[in-house]
PDB file of N, CA and C in Angstrom:
ATOM      1  N   MET A   1      94.796 120.207 -10.529  1.00  0.00           N
ATOM      2  CA  MET A   1      93.530 120.866 -10.827  1.00  0.00           C
ATOM      3  C   MET A   1      93.261 121.995  -9.832  1.00  0.00           C
ATOM      4  N   LEU A   2      93.444 121.663  -8.536  1.00  0.00           N
ATOM      5  CA  LEU A   2      93.162 122.657  -7.508  1.00  0.00           C
ATOM      6  C   LEU A   2      94.138 123.824  -7.592  1.00  0.00           C
ATOM      7  N   SER A   3      95.403 123.513  -7.917  1.00  0.00           N
ATOM      8  CA  SER A   3      96.380 124.598  -8.007  1.00  0.00           C
ATOM      9  C   SER A   3      96.050 125.541  -9.162  1.00  0.00           C
ATOM     10  N   ARG A   4      95.514 124.996 -10.293  1.00  0.00           N
ATOM     11  CA  ARG A   4      95.126 125.863 -11.407  1.00  0.00           C
ATOM     12  C   ARG A   4      93.948 126.742 -11.020  1.00  0.00           C
ATOM     13  N   VAL A   5      93.006 126.182 -10.252  1.00  0.00           N
ATOM     14  CA  VAL A   5      91.821 126.944  -9.847  1.00  0.00           C
ATOM     15  C   VAL A   5      92.203 128.040  -8.867  1.00  0.00           C
ATOM     16  N   LEU A   6      93.139 127.721  -7.948  1.00  0.00           N
ATOM     17  CA  LEU A   6      93.483 128.664  -6.892  1.00  0.00           C
ATOM     18  C   LEU A   6      94.501 129.702  -7.325  1.00  0.00           C
ATOM     19  N   SER A   7      95.169 129.482  -8.460  1.00  0.00           N
ATOM     20  CA  SER A   7      96.193 130.439  -8.871  1.00  0.00           C
ATOM     21  C   SER A   7      95.543 131.772  -9.224  1.00  0.00           C
ATOM     22  N   GLY A   8      96.170 132.842  -8.793  1.00  0.00           N
ATOM     23  CA  GLY A   8      95.662 134.173  -9.101  1.00  0.00           C
ATOM     24  C   GLY A   8      94.676 134.701  -8.080  1.00  0.00           C
ATOM     25  N   HIS A   9      94.315 133.906  -7.089  1.00  0.00           N
ATOM     26  CA  HIS A   9      93.382 134.354  -6.058  1.00  0.00           C
ATOM     27  C   HIS A   9      94.124 134.484  -4.740  1.00  0.00           C
ATOM     28  N   SER A  10      93.798 135.517  -3.985  1.00  0.00           N
ATOM     29  CA  SER A  10      94.409 135.677  -2.670  1.00  0.00           C
ATOM     30  C   SER A  10      93.712 134.749  -1.681  1.00  0.00           C
ATOM     31  N   PHE A  11      94.356 134.542  -0.547  1.00  0.00           N
ATOM     32  CA  PHE A  11      93.796 133.660   0.483  1.00  0.00           C
ATOM     33  C   PHE A  11      92.452 134.181   0.977  1.00  0.00           C
ATOM     34  N   LEU A  12      92.356 135.492   1.203  1.00  0.00           N
ATOM     35  CA  LEU A  12      91.098 136.065   1.679  1.00  0.00           C
ATOM     36  C   LEU A  12      89.989 135.904   0.654  1.00  0.00           C
ATOM     37  N   HIS A  13      90.347 136.005  -0.619  1.00  0.00           N
ATOM     38  CA  HIS A  13      89.354 135.823  -1.666  1.00  0.00           C
ATOM     39  C   HIS A  13      88.809 134.393  -1.631  1.00  0.00           C
ATOM     40  N   ILE A  14      89.679 133.423  -1.414  1.00  0.00           N
ATOM     41  CA  ILE A  14      89.258 132.016  -1.368  1.00  0.00           C
ATOM     42  C   ILE A  14      88.398 131.761  -0.143  1.00  0.00           C
ATOM     43  N   VAL A  15      88.762 132.381   0.994  1.00  0.00           N
ATOM     44  CA  VAL A  15      87.983 132.185   2.213  1.00  0.00           C
ATOM     45  C   VAL A  15      86.597 132.787   2.068  1.00  0.00           C
ATOM     46  N   ARG A  16      86.502 133.952   1.424  1.00  0.00           N
ATOM     47  CA  ARG A  16      85.212 134.625   1.296  1.00  0.00           C
ATOM     48  C   ARG A  16      84.303 133.958   0.275  1.00  0.00           C
ATOM     49  N   ARG A  17      84.864 133.282  -0.688  1.00  0.00           N
ATOM     50  CA  ARG A  17      84.066 132.674  -1.749  1.00  0.00           C
ATOM     51  C   ARG A  17      84.326 131.178  -1.809  1.00  0.00           C
ATOM     52  N   ALA A  18      83.301 130.426  -2.134  1.00  0.00           N
ATOM     53  CA  ALA A  18      83.464 128.985  -2.332  1.00  0.00           C
ATOM     54  C   ALA A  18      83.545 128.723  -3.823  1.00  0.00           C
ATOM     55  N   ILE A  19      84.483 127.894  -4.242  1.00  0.00           N
ATOM     56  CA  ILE A  19      84.642 127.581  -5.659  1.00  0.00           C
ATOM     57  C   ILE A  19      83.925 126.265  -5.920  1.00  0.00           C
ATOM     58  N   ILE A  20      82.883 126.301  -6.754  1.00  0.00           N
ATOM     59  CA  ILE A  20      82.066 125.124  -7.032  1.00  0.00           C
ATOM     60  C   ILE A  20      82.241 124.741  -8.493  1.00  0.00           C
ATOM     61  N   PRO A  21      82.750 123.524  -8.803  1.00  0.00           N
ATOM     62  CA  PRO A  21      82.907 123.129 -10.209  1.00  0.00           C
ATOM     63  C   PRO A  21      81.548 122.838 -10.845  1.00  0.00           C
ATOM     64  N   THR A  22      81.407 123.170 -12.121  1.00  0.00           N
ATOM     65  CA  THR A  22      80.182 122.872 -12.860  1.00  0.00           C
ATOM     66  C   THR A  22      80.434 121.690 -13.781  1.00  0.00           C
ATOM     67  N   TRP A  23      79.385 121.191 -14.450  1.00  0.00           N
ATOM     68  CA  TRP A  23      79.517 120.033 -15.340  1.00  0.00           C
ATOM     69  C   TRP A  23      80.348 120.352 -16.570  1.00  0.00           C
ATOM     70  N   ALA A  24      80.384 121.593 -16.981  1.00  0.00           N
ATOM     71  CA  ALA A  24      81.133 121.966 -18.177  1.00  0.00           C
ATOM     72  C   ALA A  24      82.633 122.047 -17.905  1.00  0.00           C
ATOM     73  N   GLY A  25      83.045 121.915 -16.665  1.00  0.00           N
ATOM     74  CA  GLY A  25      84.459 121.989 -16.338  1.00  0.00           C
ATOM     75  C   GLY A  25      84.892 123.376 -15.924  1.00  0.00           C
ATOM     76  N   ASN A  26      84.056 124.373 -16.137  1.00  0.00           N
ATOM     77  CA  ASN A  26      84.380 125.724 -15.695  1.00  0.00           C
ATOM     78  C   ASN A  26      84.126 125.821 -14.201  1.00  0.00           C
ATOM     79  N   THR A  27      84.670 126.837 -13.598  1.00  0.00           N
ATOM     80  CA  THR A  27      84.403 127.032 -12.172  1.00  0.00           C
ATOM     81  C   THR A  27      83.398 128.148 -12.011  1.00  0.00           C
ATOM     82  N   GLN A  28      82.454 127.912 -11.140  1.00  0.00           N
ATOM     83  CA  GLN A  28      81.423 128.904 -10.864  1.00  0.00           C
ATOM     84  C   GLN A  28      81.600 129.329  -9.414  1.00  0.00           C
ATOM     85  N   ARG A  29      81.636 130.616  -9.149  1.00  0.00           N
ATOM     86  CA  ARG A  29      81.835 131.095  -7.792  1.00  0.00           C
ATOM     87  C   ARG A  29      80.489 131.419  -7.164  1.00  0.00           C
ATOM     88  N   ALA A  30      80.345 130.999  -5.915  1.00  0.00           N
ATOM     89  CA  ALA A  30      79.134 131.319  -5.160  1.00  0.00           C
ATOM     90  C   ALA A  30      79.560 131.847  -3.802  1.00  0.00           C
ATOM     91  N   VAL A  31      78.750 132.705  -3.235  1.00  0.00           N
ATOM     92  CA  VAL A  31      79.067 133.253  -1.925  1.00  0.00           C
ATOM     93  C   VAL A  31      78.969 132.130  -0.909  1.00  0.00           C
ATOM     94  N   SER A  32      79.984 131.997  -0.074  1.00  0.00           N
ATOM     95  CA  SER A  32      79.997 130.906   0.898  1.00  0.00           C
ATOM     96  C   SER A  32      79.158 131.274   2.107  1.00  0.00           C
ATOM     97  N   THR A  33      78.943 130.286   2.959  1.00  0.00           N
ATOM     98  CA  THR A  33      78.195 130.524   4.188  1.00  0.00           C
ATOM     99  C   THR A  33      79.126 130.799   5.351  1.00  0.00           C
ATOM    100  N   LEU A  34      80.433 130.982   5.070  1.00  0.00           N
ATOM    101  CA  LEU A  34      81.350 131.310   6.150  1.00  0.00           C
ATOM    102  C   LEU A  34      80.994 132.679   6.705  1.00  0.00           C
ATOM    103  N   PRO A  35      81.085 132.845   8.029  1.00  0.00           N
ATOM    104  CA  PRO A  35      80.777 134.149   8.603  1.00  0.00           C
ATOM    105  C   PRO A  35      81.872 135.143   8.267  1.00  0.00           C
ATOM    106  N   THR A  36      81.556 136.106   7.443  1.00  0.00           N
ATOM    107  CA  THR A  36      82.502 137.158   7.077  1.00  0.00           C
ATOM    108  C   THR A  36      81.853 138.497   7.335  1.00  0.00           C
ATOM    109  N   VAL A  37      82.620 139.534   7.156  1.00  0.00           N
ATOM    110  CA  VAL A  37      82.100 140.884   7.373  1.00  0.00           C
ATOM    111  C   VAL A  37      81.053 141.224   6.323  1.00  0.00           C
ATOM    112  N   HIS A  38      81.150 140.621   5.116  1.00  0.00           N
ATOM    113  CA  HIS A  38      80.240 140.957   4.026  1.00  0.00           C
ATOM    114  C   HIS A  38      78.826 140.426   4.247  1.00  0.00           C
ATOM    115  N   ASN A  39      78.678 139.237   4.893  1.00  0.00           N
ATOM    116  CA  ASN A  39      77.337 138.686   5.090  1.00  0.00           C
ATOM    117  C   ASN A  39      76.890 138.819   6.546  1.00  0.00           C
ATOM    118  N   ALA A  40      77.372 139.849   7.245  1.00  0.00           N
ATOM    119  CA  ALA A  40      77.034 140.037   8.650  1.00  0.00           C
ATOM    120  C   ALA A  40      75.953 141.097   8.799  1.00  0.00           C
ATOM    121  N   GLN A  41      75.216 140.993   9.898  1.00  0.00           N
ATOM    122  CA  GLN A  41      74.201 141.982  10.215  1.00  0.00           C
ATOM    123  C   GLN A  41      74.779 142.940  11.249  1.00  0.00           C
ATOM    124  N   SER A  42      74.329 144.188  11.228  1.00  0.00           N
ATOM    125  CA  SER A  42      74.837 145.182  12.166  1.00  0.00           C
ATOM    126  C   SER A  42      74.032 145.112  13.456  1.00  0.00           C
ATOM    127  N   ILE A  43      74.720 145.103  14.615  1.00  0.00           N
ATOM    128  CA  ILE A  43      74.050 145.084  15.919  1.00  0.00           C
ATOM    129  C   ILE A  43      74.668 146.148  16.807  1.00  0.00           C
ATOM    130  N   GLN A  44      73.994 146.449  17.907  1.00  0.00           N
ATOM    131  CA  GLN A  44      74.486 147.402  18.893  1.00  0.00           C
ATOM    132  C   GLN A  44      75.091 146.606  20.041  1.00  0.00           C
ATOM    133  N   LEU A  45      76.407 146.785  20.311  1.00  0.00           N
ATOM    134  CA  LEU A  45      77.084 146.052  21.374  1.00  0.00           C
ATOM    135  C   LEU A  45      77.904 147.035  22.186  1.00  0.00           C
ATOM    136  N   LEU A  46      77.569 147.184  23.463  1.00  0.00           N
ATOM    137  CA  LEU A  46      78.263 148.088  24.373  1.00  0.00           C
ATOM    138  C   LEU A  46      78.344 149.509  23.819  1.00  0.00           C
ATOM    139  N   GLY A  47      77.265 149.951  23.206  1.00  0.00           N
ATOM    140  CA  GLY A  47      77.203 151.309  22.700  1.00  0.00           C
ATOM    141  C   GLY A  47      77.862 151.524  21.361  1.00  0.00           C
ATOM    142  N   HIS A  48      78.317 150.453  20.695  1.00  0.00           N
ATOM    143  CA  HIS A  48      78.974 150.571  19.397  1.00  0.00           C
ATOM    144  C   HIS A  48      78.246 149.704  18.385  1.00  0.00           C
ATOM    145  N   ASN A  49      78.157 150.196  17.146  1.00  0.00           N
ATOM    146  CA  ASN A  49      77.604 149.372  16.078  1.00  0.00           C
ATOM    147  C   ASN A  49      78.658 148.365  15.655  1.00  0.00           C
ATOM    148  N   VAL A  50      78.294 147.085  15.654  1.00  0.00           N
ATOM    149  CA  VAL A  50      79.231 146.015  15.334  1.00  0.00           C
ATOM    150  C   VAL A  50      78.570 145.106  14.319  1.00  0.00           C
ATOM    151  N   LYS A  51      79.340 144.624  13.341  1.00  0.00           N
ATOM    152  CA  LYS A  51      78.822 143.640  12.397  1.00  0.00           C
ATOM    153  C   LYS A  51      78.747 142.294  13.110  1.00  0.00           C
ATOM    154  N   GLU A  52      77.592 141.649  13.019  1.00  0.00           N
ATOM    155  CA  GLU A  52      77.397 140.388  13.733  1.00  0.00           C
ATOM    156  C   GLU A  52      77.390 139.228  12.746  1.00  0.00           C
ATOM    157  N   THR A  53      78.247 138.247  12.959  1.00  0.00           N
ATOM    158  CA  THR A  53      78.261 137.034  12.153  1.00  0.00           C
ATOM    159  C   THR A  53      77.442 135.976  12.870  1.00  0.00           C
ATOM    160  N   LYS A  54      77.312 134.799  12.246  1.00  0.00           N
ATOM    161  CA  LYS A  54      76.551 133.725  12.893  1.00  0.00           C
ATOM    162  C   LYS A  54      77.213 133.296  14.189  1.00  0.00           C
ATOM    163  N   ALA A  55      78.552 133.246  14.199  1.00  0.00           N
ATOM    164  CA  ALA A  55      79.271 132.864  15.419  1.00  0.00           C
ATOM    165  C   ALA A  55      79.045 133.902  16.510  1.00  0.00           C
ATOM    166  N   ALA A  56      79.113 135.178  16.151  1.00  0.00           N
ATOM    167  CA  ALA A  56      78.898 136.238  17.129  1.00  0.00           C
ATOM    168  C   ALA A  56      77.465 136.209  17.639  1.00  0.00           C
ATOM    169  N   ALA A  57      76.517 135.853  16.776  1.00  0.00           N
ATOM    170  CA  ALA A  57      75.119 135.765  17.201  1.00  0.00           C
ATOM    171  C   ALA A  57      74.948 134.670  18.238  1.00  0.00           C
ATOM    172  N   SER A  58      75.597 133.521  18.026  1.00  0.00           N
ATOM    173  CA  SER A  58      75.464 132.434  18.992  1.00  0.00           C
ATOM    174  C   SER A  58      76.132 132.803  20.308  1.00  0.00           C
ATOM    175  N   ILE A  59      77.240 133.540  20.235  1.00  0.00           N
ATOM    176  CA  ILE A  59      77.920 133.959  21.462  1.00  0.00           C
ATOM    177  C   ILE A  59      77.067 134.965  22.216  1.00  0.00           C
ATOM    178  N   SER A  60      76.493 135.936  21.508  1.00  0.00           N
ATOM    179  CA  SER A  60      75.665 136.931  22.193  1.00  0.00           C
ATOM    180  C   SER A  60      74.403 136.287  22.758  1.00  0.00           C
ATOM    181  N   ASP A  61      73.876 135.265  22.092  1.00  0.00           N
ATOM    182  CA  ASP A  61      72.725 134.530  22.623  1.00  0.00           C
ATOM    183  C   ASP A  61      73.107 133.820  23.909  1.00  0.00           C
ATOM    184  N   TYR A  62      74.293 133.197  23.922  1.00  0.00           N
ATOM    185  CA  TYR A  62      74.766 132.490  25.116  1.00  0.00           C
ATOM    186  C   TYR A  62      74.977 133.468  26.269  1.00  0.00           C
ATOM    187  N   VAL A  63      75.586 134.612  25.982  1.00  0.00           N
ATOM    188  CA  VAL A  63      75.856 135.604  27.021  1.00  0.00           C
ATOM    189  C   VAL A  63      74.555 136.161  27.579  1.00  0.00           C
ATOM    190  N   SER A  64      73.539 136.322  26.741  1.00  0.00           N
ATOM    191  CA  SER A  64      72.271 136.875  27.223  1.00  0.00           C
ATOM    192  C   SER A  64      71.554 135.908  28.160  1.00  0.00           C
ATOM    193  N   ARG A  65      71.852 134.596  28.030  1.00  0.00           N
ATOM    194  CA  ARG A  65      71.206 133.613  28.903  1.00  0.00           C
ATOM    195  C   ARG A  65      71.935 133.417  30.230  1.00  0.00           C
ATOM    196  N   LEU A  66      73.114 134.015  30.397  1.00  0.00           N
ATOM    197  CA  LEU A  66      73.866 133.862  31.643  1.00  0.00           C
ATOM    198  C   LEU A  66      73.200 134.643  32.766  1.00  0.00           C
ATOM    199  N   ARG A  67      73.268 134.071  33.973  1.00  0.00           N
ATOM    200  CA  ARG A  67      72.736 134.766  35.139  1.00  0.00           C
ATOM    201  C   ARG A  67      73.797 135.715  35.681  1.00  0.00           C
ATOM    202  N   PRO A  68      73.399 136.846  36.252  1.00  0.00           N
ATOM    203  CA  PRO A  68      74.398 137.764  36.819  1.00  0.00           C
ATOM    204  C   PRO A  68      75.101 137.115  38.012  1.00  0.00           C
ATOM    205  N   PHE A  69      76.377 137.423  38.175  1.00  0.00           N
ATOM    206  CA  PHE A  69      77.174 136.845  39.251  1.00  0.00           C
ATOM    207  C   PHE A  69      76.815 137.485  40.573  1.00  0.00           C
ATOM    208  N   SER A  70      76.610 136.660  41.583  1.00  0.00           N
ATOM    209  CA  SER A  70      76.409 137.171  42.936  1.00  0.00           C
ATOM    210  C   SER A  70      77.354 136.403  43.855  1.00  0.00           C
ATOM    211  N   ALA A  71      78.177 137.136  44.575  1.00  0.00           N
ATOM    212  CA  ALA A  71      79.175 136.521  45.446  1.00  0.00           C
ATOM    213  C   ALA A  71      78.504 135.869  46.649  1.00  0.00           C
ATOM    214  N   PRO A  72      79.081 134.783  47.162  1.00  0.00           N
ATOM    215  CA  PRO A  72      78.518 134.158  48.361  1.00  0.00           C
ATOM    216  C   PRO A  72      78.711 135.076  49.567  1.00  0.00           C
ATOM    217  N   PRO A  73      77.934 134.870  50.624  1.00  0.00           N
ATOM    218  CA  PRO A  73      78.081 135.733  51.795  1.00  0.00           C
ATOM    219  C   PRO A  73      79.449 135.532  52.455  1.00  0.00           C
ATOM    220  N   ALA A  74      79.900 136.568  53.160  1.00  0.00           N
ATOM    221  CA  ALA A  74      81.195 136.502  53.841  1.00  0.00           C
ATOM    222  C   ALA A  74      81.135 135.468  54.958  1.00  0.00           C
ATOM    223  N   PRO A  75      82.240 134.777  55.237  1.00  0.00           N
ATOM    224  CA  PRO A  75      82.236 133.773  56.302  1.00  0.00           C
ATOM    225  C   PRO A  75      82.063 134.423  57.671  1.00  0.00           C
ATOM    226  N   GLN A  76      81.340 133.745  58.536  1.00  0.00           N
ATOM    227  CA  GLN A  76      81.086 134.245  59.883  1.00  0.00           C
ATOM    228  C   GLN A  76      82.107 133.637  60.847  1.00  0.00           C
ATOM    229  N   PRO A  77      82.599 134.401  61.816  1.00  0.00           N
ATOM    230  CA  PRO A  77      83.553 133.839  62.787  1.00  0.00           C
ATOM    231  C   PRO A  77      82.856 132.826  63.694  1.00  0.00           C
ATOM    232  N   ILE A  78      83.594 131.803  64.097  1.00  0.00           N
ATOM    233  CA  ILE A  78      83.051 130.773  64.983  1.00  0.00           C
ATOM    234  C   ILE A  78      83.157 131.286  66.410  1.00  0.00           C
ATOM    235  N   THR A  79      82.022 131.381  67.075  1.00  0.00           N
ATOM    236  CA  THR A  79      82.011 131.921  68.436  1.00  0.00           C
ATOM    237  C   THR A  79      81.708 130.857  69.474  1.00  0.00           C
ATOM    238  N   THR A  80      81.312 129.657  69.033  1.00  0.00           N
ATOM    239  CA  THR A  80      80.991 128.603  70.003  1.00  0.00           C
ATOM    240  C   THR A  80      82.274 127.916  70.456  1.00  0.00           C
ATOM    241  N   PRO A  81      82.427 127.627  71.755  1.00  0.00           N
ATOM    242  CA  PRO A  81      83.640 126.958  72.238  1.00  0.00           C
ATOM    243  C   PRO A  81      83.647 125.477  71.835  1.00  0.00           C
ATOM    244  N   LEU A  82      84.840 124.927  71.726  1.00  0.00           N
ATOM    245  CA  LEU A  82      84.979 123.513  71.394  1.00  0.00           C
ATOM    246  C   LEU A  82      84.562 122.664  72.586  1.00  0.00           C
ATOM    247  N   THR A  83      83.851 121.587  72.309  1.00  0.00           N
ATOM    248  CA  THR A  83      83.395 120.714  73.388  1.00  0.00           C
ATOM    249  C   THR A  83      83.682 119.267  73.038  1.00  0.00           C
ATOM    250  N   GLY A  84      83.790 118.444  74.066  1.00  0.00           N
ATOM    251  CA  GLY A  84      83.909 116.997  73.861  1.00  0.00           C
ATOM    252  C   GLY A  84      85.224 116.575  73.245  1.00  0.00           C
ATOM    253  N   VAL A  85      85.126 115.746  72.224  1.00  0.00           N
ATOM    254  CA  VAL A  85      86.286 115.132  71.591  1.00  0.00           C
ATOM    255  C   VAL A  85      87.172 116.177  70.912  1.00  0.00           C
ATOM    256  N   GLU A  86      86.570 117.234  70.434  1.00  0.00           N
ATOM    257  CA  GLU A  86      87.316 118.248  69.699  1.00  0.00           C
ATOM    258  C   GLU A  86      88.357 118.944  70.573  1.00  0.00           C
ATOM    259  N   GLU A  87      88.126 119.016  71.895  1.00  0.00           N
ATOM    260  CA  GLU A  87      89.088 119.639  72.796  1.00  0.00           C
ATOM    261  C   GLU A  87      90.307 118.756  73.009  1.00  0.00           C
ATOM    262  N   GLN A  88      90.170 117.457  72.854  1.00  0.00           N
ATOM    263  CA  GLN A  88      91.230 116.516  73.186  1.00  0.00           C
ATOM    264  C   GLN A  88      92.044 116.105  71.960  1.00  0.00           C
ATOM    265  N   LEU A  89      92.308 117.033  71.075  1.00  0.00           N
ATOM    266  CA  LEU A  89      93.112 116.728  69.904  1.00  0.00           C
ATOM    267  C   LEU A  89      94.546 116.476  70.330  1.00  0.00           C
ATOM    268  N   GLU A  90      95.124 115.409  69.791  1.00  0.00           N
ATOM    269  CA  GLU A  90      96.517 115.104  70.102  1.00  0.00           C
ATOM    270  C   GLU A  90      97.375 115.518  68.922  1.00  0.00           C
ATOM    271  N   LEU A  91      98.410 116.264  69.198  1.00  0.00           N
ATOM    272  CA  LEU A  91      99.296 116.735  68.157  1.00  0.00           C
ATOM    273  C   LEU A  91     100.554 115.881  68.138  1.00  0.00           C
ATOM    274  N   THR A  92     100.983 115.512  66.954  1.00  0.00           N
ATOM    275  CA  THR A  92     102.227 114.775  66.808  1.00  0.00           C
ATOM    276  C   THR A  92     103.347 115.796  66.703  1.00  0.00           C
ATOM    277  N   SER A  93     104.357 115.645  67.534  1.00  0.00           N
ATOM    278  CA  SER A  93     105.440 116.629  67.535  1.00  0.00           C
ATOM    279  C   SER A  93     106.249 116.533  66.247  1.00  0.00           C
ATOM    280  N   VAL A  94     106.911 117.618  65.929  1.00  0.00           N
ATOM    281  CA  VAL A  94     107.720 117.676  64.717  1.00  0.00           C
ATOM    282  C   VAL A  94     108.879 116.691  64.818  1.00  0.00           C
ATOM    283  N   LEU A  95     109.475 116.593  66.004  1.00  0.00           N
ATOM    284  CA  LEU A  95     110.599 115.664  66.181  1.00  0.00           C
ATOM    285  C   LEU A  95     110.163 114.224  65.951  1.00  0.00           C
ATOM    286  N   ARG A  96     108.981 113.883  66.447  1.00  0.00           N
ATOM    287  CA  ARG A  96     108.486 112.515  66.259  1.00  0.00           C
ATOM    288  C   ARG A  96     108.239 112.230  64.779  1.00  0.00           C
ATOM    289  N   LYS A  97     107.677 113.220  64.074  1.00  0.00           N
ATOM    290  CA  LYS A  97     107.439 113.046  62.632  1.00  0.00           C
ATOM    291  C   LYS A  97     108.752 112.842  61.889  1.00  0.00           C
ATOM    292  N   ARG A  98     109.754 113.665  62.225  1.00  0.00           N
ATOM    293  CA  ARG A  98     111.056 113.543  61.555  1.00  0.00           C
ATOM    294  C   ARG A  98     111.704 112.200  61.864  1.00  0.00           C
ATOM    295  N   ARG A  99     111.576 111.747  63.104  1.00  0.00           N
ATOM    296  CA  ARG A  99     112.155 110.457  63.492  1.00  0.00           C
ATOM    297  C   ARG A  99     111.497 109.320  62.720  1.00  0.00           C
ATOM    298  N   LEU A 100     110.174 109.357  62.613  1.00  0.00           N
ATOM    299  CA  LEU A 100     109.462 108.319  61.859  1.00  0.00           C
ATOM    300  C   LEU A 100     109.872 108.338  60.391  1.00  0.00           C
ATOM    301  N   LYS A 101     110.008 109.526  59.837  1.00  0.00           N
ATOM    302  CA  LYS A 101     110.409 109.649  58.438  1.00  0.00           C
ATOM    303  C   LYS A 101     111.815 109.096  58.224  1.00  0.00           C
ATOM    304  N   MET A 102     112.724 109.404  59.146  1.00  0.00           N
ATOM    305  CA  MET A 102     114.097 108.919  59.029  1.00  0.00           C
ATOM    306  C   MET A 102     114.141 107.405  59.168  1.00  0.00           C
ATOM    307  N   ASN A 103     113.377 106.863  60.111  1.00  0.00           N
ATOM    308  CA  ASN A 103     113.349 105.405  60.281  1.00  0.00           C
ATOM    309  C   ASN A 103     112.822 104.725  59.024  1.00  0.00           C
ATOM    310  N   LYS A 104     111.803 105.299  58.425  1.00  0.00           N
ATOM    311  CA  LYS A 104     111.248 104.740  57.187  1.00  0.00           C
ATOM    312  C   LYS A 104     112.297 104.777  56.081  1.00  0.00           C
ATOM    313  N   HIS A 105     113.013 105.892  55.987  1.00  0.00           N
ATOM    314  CA  HIS A 105     114.058 106.044  54.972  1.00  0.00           C
ATOM    315  C   HIS A 105     115.172 105.015  55.191  1.00  0.00           C
ATOM    316  N   LYS A 106     115.603 104.857  56.445  1.00  0.00           N
ATOM    317  CA  LYS A 106     116.674 103.899  56.751  1.00  0.00           C
ATOM    318  C   LYS A 106     116.225 102.479  56.441  1.00  0.00           C
ATOM    319  N   HIS A 107     114.977 102.162  56.753  1.00  0.00           N
ATOM    320  CA  HIS A 107     114.461 100.816  56.487  1.00  0.00           C
ATOM    321  C   HIS A 107     114.452 100.534  54.983  1.00  0.00           C
ATOM    322  N   LYS A 108     114.017 101.515  54.187  1.00  0.00           N
ATOM    323  CA  LYS A 108     114.020 101.346  52.726  1.00  0.00           C
ATOM    324  C   LYS A 108     115.438 101.140  52.214  1.00  0.00           C
ATOM    325  N   LYS A 109     116.371 101.919  52.750  1.00  0.00           N
ATOM    326  CA  LYS A 109     117.771 101.820  52.337  1.00  0.00           C
ATOM    327  C   LYS A 109     118.333 100.438  52.674  1.00  0.00           C
ATOM    328  N   LEU A 110     118.012  99.938  53.854  1.00  0.00           N
ATOM    329  CA  LEU A 110     118.466  98.610  54.272  1.00  0.00           C
ATOM    330  C   LEU A 110     117.898  97.529  53.368  1.00  0.00           C
ATOM    331  N   ARG A 111     116.604  97.628  53.050  1.00  0.00           N
ATOM    332  CA  ARG A 111     115.982  96.636  52.151  1.00  0.00           C
ATOM    333  C   ARG A 111     116.650  96.646  50.790  1.00  0.00           C
ATOM    334  N   LYS A 112     116.939  97.841  50.274  1.00  0.00           N
ATOM    335  CA  LYS A 112     117.587  97.958  48.971  1.00  0.00           C
ATOM    336  C   LYS A 112     118.979  97.331  49.012  1.00  0.00           C
ATOM    337  N   ARG A 113     119.711  97.604  50.075  1.00  0.00           N
ATOM    338  CA  ARG A 113     121.068  97.072  50.206  1.00  0.00           C
ATOM    339  C   ARG A 113     121.055  95.546  50.291  1.00  0.00           C
ATOM    340  N   THR A 114     120.145  94.991  51.096  1.00  0.00           N
ATOM    341  CA  THR A 114     120.097  93.525  51.231  1.00  0.00           C
ATOM    342  C   THR A 114     119.610  92.872  49.944  1.00  0.00           C
ATOM    343  N   ARG A 115     118.708  93.526  49.228  1.00  0.00           N
ATOM    344  CA  ARG A 115     118.244  92.970  47.957  1.00  0.00           C
ATOM    345  C   ARG A 115     119.398  92.913  46.956  1.00  0.00           C
ATOM    346  N   ALA A 116     120.183  93.991  46.899  1.00  0.00           N
ATOM    347  CA  ALA A 116     121.335  94.019  45.995  1.00  0.00           C
ATOM    348  C   ALA A 116     122.351  92.955  46.386  1.00  0.00           C
ATOM    349  N   LEU A 117     122.562  92.761  47.694  1.00  0.00           N
ATOM    350  CA  LEU A 117     123.504  91.747  48.165  1.00  0.00           C
ATOM    351  C   LEU A 117     123.025  90.348  47.794  1.00  0.00           C
ATOM    352  N   ARG A 118     121.722  90.094  48.011  1.00  0.00           N
ATOM    353  CA  ARG A 118     121.167  88.775  47.649  1.00  0.00           C
ATOM    354  C   ARG A 118     121.306  88.522  46.160  1.00  0.00           C
ATOM    355  N   LYS A 119     121.112  89.568  45.365  1.00  0.00           N
ATOM    356  CA  LYS A 119     121.218  89.433  43.911  1.00  0.00           C
ATOM    357  C   LYS A 119     122.649  89.060  43.510  1.00  0.00           C
ATOM    358  N   ARG A 120     123.647  89.736  44.137  1.00  0.00           N
ATOM    359  CA  ARG A 120     125.048  89.440  43.815  1.00  0.00           C
ATOM    360  C   ARG A 120     125.447  88.047  44.266  1.00  0.00           C
ATOM    361  N   LEU A 121     124.981  87.634  45.439  1.00  0.00           N
ATOM    362  CA  LEU A 121     125.349  86.305  45.948  1.00  0.00           C
ATOM    363  C   LEU A 121     124.650  85.197  45.174  1.00  0.00           C
ATOM    364  N   GLY A 122     123.501  85.488  44.632  1.00  0.00           N
ATOM    365  CA  GLY A 122     122.734  84.482  43.893  1.00  0.00           C
ATOM    366  C   GLY A 122     123.318  84.173  42.538  1.00  0.00           C
ATOM    367  N   LYS A 123     124.105  85.045  41.982  1.00  0.00           N
ATOM    368  CA  LYS A 123     124.652  84.830  40.634  1.00  0.00           C
ATOM    369  C   LYS A 123     125.748  83.817  40.611  1.00  0.00           C
TER     370      LYS A 123
END
């Protein structure tokens, strides 16, 4: 049924018009409520006349409610000297970090090896 109704019509024609069946079995065409260029109102946008659809109207309404962007103030340099606990920061050396990482890696490897050995001996 739908293929018979749609035959002979282009896609744009179907989008622009809604096909509504009547009781007599004939098809009656009515203008749809889809936002198209034909049912749009003309508006002024950035110095140009533009056709406005319902979607464009909602977008322009949303944009009109936005506040203008204002950047935050630039960061100020810190001029106060460090006092108390902040002066006594302890730094972990790179060598110590690498050693700890290697020890952790070796320990994981050892655990994996012993687990595999226990599994083989248990069978």
